[in-house]
Amino acid sequence: MDIAEHQEGAIMVLAPSGRLDSNSCKQMEDCLLGHIGQGASAIVVDFVDLAFISSAGLRVLLMGAKRMKKSGGKLALCALDPNILDVFKVSGFDRIFTISENRAEALQAIG
């Protein structure tokens, strides 16, 4: 998995590609929590190139959401594949995260 990082004004955009599963979740965890630890107050995770997410990937995102909430920051997700969106709905994670159809909407939602 690769994670593209892009600063959009005050918002950090992380765009993982491939699969977010037990083999790659440590990389995503280090990236996401690293930015939070460095003081990022707004992060968008863009799923446009993500093909799959496992429970390990969901755990990393939940951990990031909890840390952002604790620090008063905001975390949003966007461009979820329909299958990935179904995973979020079945697990109830769609009620935890701000989920937008595309990056522009996500940036506006937390900007």
Protein backbone atom coordinates (compact mmCIF):
# COMPACT_ATOMS: atom_id res chain seq x y z
CA MET A 1 0.00 0.00 0.00
CA ASP A 2 1.11 3.52 -0.79
CA ILE A 3 -0.13 6.61 1.04
CA ALA A 4 -0.03 9.89 -0.84
CA GLU A 5 0.15 12.92 1.46
CA HIS A 6 -0.98 16.36 0.38
CA GLN A 7 -1.48 19.56 2.34
CA GLU A 8 -4.64 21.42 1.28
CA GLY A 9 -4.48 24.70 3.20
CA ALA A 10 -4.72 23.75 6.88
CA ILE A 11 -6.02 20.26 6.07
CA MET A 12 -3.78 17.22 5.61
CA VAL A 13 -5.06 14.83 2.94
CA LEU A 14 -3.99 11.20 3.14
CA ALA A 15 -4.79 8.99 0.15
CA PRO A 16 -4.03 5.31 0.71
CA SER A 17 -4.07 3.05 -2.34
CA GLY A 18 -4.49 -0.69 -2.64
CA ARG A 19 -5.58 -2.62 0.43
CA LEU A 20 -5.84 -1.47 4.04
CA ASP A 21 -5.58 -4.76 5.88
CA SER A 22 -3.50 -6.52 8.52
CA ASN A 23 -0.43 -6.35 6.27
CA SER A 24 -0.63 -2.59 5.71
CA CYS A 25 -2.48 -1.21 8.73
CA LYS A 26 0.74 -0.47 10.64
CA GLN A 27 1.88 1.82 7.83
CA MET A 28 -1.46 3.66 7.87
CA GLU A 29 -1.44 3.82 11.67
CA ASP A 30 2.05 5.34 11.72
CA CYS A 31 1.11 7.88 9.06
CA LEU A 32 -2.25 8.91 10.54
CA LEU A 33 -1.17 9.00 14.18
CA GLY A 34 2.10 10.66 13.19
CA HIS A 35 0.25 13.60 11.66
CA ILE A 36 -2.06 13.82 14.66
CA GLY A 37 0.94 13.71 16.99
CA GLN A 38 2.55 16.54 15.02
CA GLY A 39 -0.50 18.69 15.66
CA ALA A 40 -2.68 18.20 12.57
CA SER A 41 -6.11 19.55 13.45
CA ALA A 42 -7.92 18.45 10.30
CA ILE A 43 -7.33 15.33 8.21
CA VAL A 44 -9.17 13.95 5.20
CA VAL A 45 -8.58 10.32 4.28
CA ASP A 46 -9.34 9.99 0.57
CA PHE A 47 -10.31 6.42 -0.36
CA VAL A 48 -10.45 7.05 -4.12
CA ASP A 49 -7.68 4.48 -4.77
CA LEU A 50 -8.46 2.10 -1.89
CA ALA A 51 -9.82 -1.24 -3.08
CA PHE A 52 -10.32 -3.05 0.25
CA ILE A 53 -10.45 -2.43 3.99
CA SER A 54 -10.39 -5.07 6.72
CA SER A 55 -11.30 -4.88 10.38
CA ALA A 56 -7.65 -4.05 11.09
CA GLY A 57 -7.97 -1.02 8.81
CA LEU A 58 -11.21 0.02 10.50
CA ARG A 59 -9.46 -0.18 13.87
CA VAL A 60 -6.73 2.21 12.69
CA LEU A 61 -9.31 4.74 11.48
CA LEU A 62 -11.26 4.46 14.73
CA MET A 63 -8.07 5.03 16.71
CA GLY A 64 -7.35 8.12 14.61
CA ALA A 65 -10.90 9.43 15.08
CA LYS A 66 -10.64 9.04 18.86
CA ARG A 67 -7.30 10.86 18.97
CA MET A 68 -8.60 13.66 16.77
CA LYS A 69 -11.70 14.07 18.94
CA LYS A 70 -9.55 14.16 22.08
CA SER A 71 -7.40 16.93 20.60
CA GLY A 72 -10.38 18.87 19.24
CA GLY A 73 -9.50 18.06 15.64
CA LYS A 74 -11.59 16.79 12.75
CA LEU A 75 -11.27 13.67 10.62
CA ALA A 76 -13.28 13.04 7.46
CA LEU A 77 -13.35 10.26 4.88
CA CYS A 78 -14.24 10.54 1.22
CA ALA A 79 -14.63 8.68 -2.07
CA LEU A 80 -15.45 5.32 -0.51
CA ASP A 81 -15.99 2.46 -2.94
CA PRO A 82 -19.57 1.12 -2.61
CA ASN A 83 -18.29 -2.14 -1.11
CA ILE A 84 -16.18 -0.27 1.44
CA LEU A 85 -19.10 2.02 2.25
CA ASP A 86 -21.20 -1.10 2.92
CA VAL A 87 -18.58 -2.26 5.44
CA PHE A 88 -18.84 1.11 7.19
CA LYS A 89 -22.63 0.90 7.26
CA VAL A 90 -22.76 -2.69 8.54
CA SER A 91 -20.24 -1.91 11.29
CA GLY A 92 -21.96 1.36 12.24
CA PHE A 93 -18.84 3.34 11.42
CA ASP A 94 -20.85 5.54 9.05
CA ARG A 95 -22.30 7.15 12.18
CA ILE A 96 -18.84 7.78 13.66
CA PHE A 97 -17.15 9.42 10.67
CA THR A 98 -17.94 12.34 8.42
CA ILE A 99 -18.15 10.61 5.04
CA SER A 100 -18.28 12.64 1.82
CA GLU A 101 -18.66 11.60 -1.80
CA ASN A 102 -15.47 13.34 -2.92
CA ARG A 103 -12.44 15.23 -1.67
CA ALA A 104 -13.89 18.69 -2.31
CA GLU A 105 -16.95 17.92 -0.18
CA ALA A 106 -14.80 16.45 2.60
CA LEU A 107 -12.54 19.50 2.63
CA GLN A 108 -15.57 21.76 2.86
CA ALA A 109 -17.15 19.61 5.59
CA ILE A 110 -14.19 19.97 7.96
CA GLY A 111 -12.67 23.23 6.72
